[in-house]
N, C-alpha and C. Protein backbone atom coordinates (compact mmCIF):
# COMPACT_ATOMS: atom_id res chain seq x y z
N MET A 1 112.87 71.20 122.57
CA MET A 1 113.07 71.01 121.02
C MET A 1 114.00 71.66 120.14
N ASN A 2 115.02 71.54 120.16
CA ASN A 2 115.92 72.43 118.91
C ASN A 2 116.49 71.64 118.01
N PHE A 3 115.41 71.51 117.23
CA PHE A 3 115.81 71.11 115.80
C PHE A 3 116.49 71.98 114.91
N PRO A 4 116.45 73.40 114.71
CA PRO A 4 116.94 74.01 113.59
C PRO A 4 118.76 74.00 113.93
N MET A 5 119.13 73.99 115.35
CA MET A 5 120.41 73.37 115.48
C MET A 5 121.26 72.65 115.22
N ASP A 6 120.00 71.19 114.88
CA ASP A 6 120.86 70.40 114.27
C ASP A 6 121.17 70.14 113.66
N LEU A 7 121.08 71.02 112.37
CA LEU A 7 121.60 71.26 110.85
C LEU A 7 122.73 72.32 110.97
N PRO A 8 123.48 71.85 110.21
CA PRO A 8 125.09 72.40 109.99
C PRO A 8 125.31 73.70 109.42
N LEU A 9 124.10 73.85 108.93
CA LEU A 9 124.02 75.36 108.21
C LEU A 9 122.98 75.91 109.26
N PHE A 10 122.25 75.93 109.94
CA PHE A 10 121.80 76.77 111.05
C PHE A 10 123.11 76.59 112.08
N ARG A 11 123.37 76.16 112.62
CA ARG A 11 124.80 76.28 113.46
C ARG A 11 125.43 77.25 112.93
N PHE A 12 125.74 76.92 111.49
CA PHE A 12 126.97 78.20 111.21
C PHE A 12 126.42 79.19 111.09
N LEU A 13 125.13 79.59 111.04
CA LEU A 13 124.36 80.96 110.70
C LEU A 13 124.68 81.51 111.85
N TYR A 14 124.37 80.56 112.78
CA TYR A 14 123.94 81.29 114.59
C TYR A 14 125.39 81.46 114.72
N TRP A 15 126.18 80.88 114.65
CA TRP A 15 127.67 81.05 114.95
C TRP A 15 128.07 82.51 113.98
N LEU A 16 127.72 82.58 112.52
CA LEU A 16 128.11 84.10 112.20
C LEU A 16 127.18 85.23 112.56
N VAL A 17 125.87 84.63 112.68
CA VAL A 17 125.00 85.93 113.30
C VAL A 17 126.06 86.72 114.59
N ASN A 18 126.49 86.06 115.77
CA ASN A 18 126.60 85.76 117.04
C ASN A 18 128.15 86.43 116.89
N THR A 19 128.83 86.27 116.05
CA THR A 19 130.15 86.80 115.95
C THR A 19 130.13 88.54 116.30
N ALA A 20 130.93 89.11 117.21
CA ALA A 20 130.16 90.43 117.22
C ALA A 20 130.27 91.47 116.24
N GLY A 21 131.72 91.36 115.26
CA GLY A 21 132.06 92.19 114.23
C GLY A 21 130.59 91.96 113.29
N VAL A 22 130.77 90.80 112.65
CA VAL A 22 129.20 89.89 111.80
C VAL A 22 127.88 90.75 112.15
N GLY A 23 127.74 90.58 113.52
CA GLY A 23 126.39 90.47 113.68
C GLY A 23 125.76 92.08 113.96
N SER A 24 127.18 92.70 114.60
CA SER A 24 127.12 94.08 114.35
C SER A 24 126.81 94.35 113.04
N ALA A 25 127.19 94.61 111.82
CA ALA A 25 127.66 94.51 110.53
C ALA A 25 125.99 94.16 109.96
N VAL A 26 125.71 93.21 110.28
CA VAL A 26 124.09 92.36 109.36
C VAL A 26 122.94 93.59 110.23
N VAL A 27 123.24 93.72 111.38
CA VAL A 27 122.52 95.11 112.45
C VAL A 27 122.63 95.97 111.54
N GLY A 28 123.64 96.68 111.28
CA GLY A 28 123.94 97.76 110.46
C GLY A 28 123.49 98.29 109.56
N LEU A 29 123.63 97.03 108.78
CA LEU A 29 123.05 96.50 107.18
C LEU A 29 121.35 96.90 107.15
N ILE A 30 120.34 95.71 108.55
CA ILE A 30 119.62 96.28 108.27
C ILE A 30 118.70 97.53 108.79
N ALA A 31 119.27 98.10 109.19
CA ALA A 31 119.17 99.33 109.87
C ALA A 31 118.98 100.15 108.86
N THR A 32 120.36 100.24 108.18
CA THR A 32 120.57 101.09 107.08
C THR A 32 119.38 100.86 105.85
N VAL A 33 119.30 99.48 105.63
CA VAL A 33 117.91 99.70 104.53
C VAL A 33 116.46 99.94 105.46
N VAL A 34 116.16 99.94 106.69
CA VAL A 34 114.79 100.52 107.15
C VAL A 34 114.94 102.00 106.58
N ILE A 35 116.19 102.09 107.28
CA ILE A 35 115.71 103.90 107.57
C ILE A 35 115.80 104.30 106.00
N THR A 36 116.52 103.96 105.11
CA THR A 36 116.62 104.48 104.00
C THR A 36 114.94 104.33 103.36
N GLY A 37 114.65 103.16 103.24
CA GLY A 37 113.24 102.64 103.12
C GLY A 37 111.97 103.91 103.69
N TYR A 38 112.64 104.38 105.20
CA TYR A 38 111.69 104.78 105.50
C TYR A 38 111.37 106.52 105.02
N GLY A 39 112.85 106.90 105.03
CA GLY A 39 112.82 108.11 104.33
C GLY A 39 112.79 108.40 102.43
N LEU A 40 112.58 107.03 102.10
CA LEU A 40 112.32 107.41 100.65
C LEU A 40 110.88 107.03 100.61
N THR A 41 109.85 106.86 101.40
CA THR A 41 108.54 106.87 101.69
C THR A 41 107.94 107.78 101.96
N LEU A 42 108.98 108.29 102.99
CA LEU A 42 108.11 109.82 103.40
C LEU A 42 108.50 110.89 102.20
N ARG A 43 109.60 110.89 101.69
CA ARG A 43 110.25 111.69 100.15
C ARG A 43 108.89 111.31 99.01
N TRP A 44 108.30 110.11 99.01
CA TRP A 44 107.17 109.71 97.89
C TRP A 44 105.98 110.44 98.24
N ILE A 45 105.76 110.46 99.48
CA ILE A 45 104.68 111.17 100.06
C ILE A 45 104.32 112.49 99.88
N ALA A 46 105.52 113.09 100.28
CA ALA A 46 105.77 114.69 100.28
C ALA A 46 105.64 114.91 98.86
N ALA A 47 106.21 114.40 97.66
CA ALA A 47 106.07 114.88 96.11
C ALA A 47 104.68 114.52 95.63
N GLY A 48 104.23 113.70 96.49
CA GLY A 48 102.53 113.30 95.81
C GLY A 48 101.86 114.84 96.77
N ALA A 49 102.09 114.95 97.80
CA ALA A 49 101.00 115.84 98.38
C ALA A 49 101.32 117.39 97.54
N LYS A 50 102.27 117.72 96.60
CA LYS A 50 103.07 118.77 95.84
C LYS A 50 102.25 118.96 94.78
N ALA A 51 100.83 117.94 94.18
CA ALA A 51 100.61 118.11 93.08
C ALA A 51 100.30 119.46 92.22
N ASP A 52 100.62 119.60 90.88
CA ASP A 52 100.27 120.66 90.24
C ASP A 52 98.80 121.00 89.98
N GLU A 53 98.26 120.13 89.73
CA GLU A 53 96.73 119.96 88.77
C GLU A 53 95.80 120.14 90.62
N ARG A 54 94.64 120.58 89.85
CA ARG A 54 93.98 121.14 90.66
C ARG A 54 92.92 119.51 91.05
N ALA A 55 92.02 118.92 91.77
CA ALA A 55 91.47 118.32 91.50
C ALA A 55 89.99 118.65 91.12
N THR A 56 89.25 118.24 89.69
CA THR A 56 88.23 118.23 89.08
C THR A 56 87.35 117.55 89.37
N TYR A 57 86.26 117.33 89.39
CA TYR A 57 85.24 116.60 89.70
C TYR A 57 83.97 116.34 88.78
N LEU A 58 82.81 115.98 88.77
CA LEU A 58 81.89 115.42 87.87
C LEU A 58 80.66 116.64 88.65
N TYR A 59 80.73 117.30 89.78
CA TYR A 59 79.43 117.90 90.05
C TYR A 59 80.13 119.18 90.13
N PRO A 60 79.42 120.13 90.58
CA PRO A 60 79.29 121.33 91.13
C PRO A 60 80.15 121.47 92.41
N ALA A 61 80.58 122.28 92.44
CA ALA A 61 81.35 122.88 94.17
C ALA A 61 80.48 122.92 94.86
N HIS A 62 79.98 122.68 95.96
CA HIS A 62 79.02 123.16 96.76
C HIS A 62 79.36 124.97 97.61
N GLU A 63 78.96 125.76 97.17
CA GLU A 63 79.33 127.14 97.99
C GLU A 63 78.45 128.03 98.75
């Protein structure tokens, strides 16, 4: 069953992505977005780890 390829839109998209230059550009764009998102996530985590305020609790600390 090859249902999606019966439609002209899917045939066009298949041709477009499988074209060497366009396919590699799409893969490069996806890789750039993923790597940028990963880097921004790490930066966000690192910024949260540098909190200036100390943790305060409603109960006294055990010493």
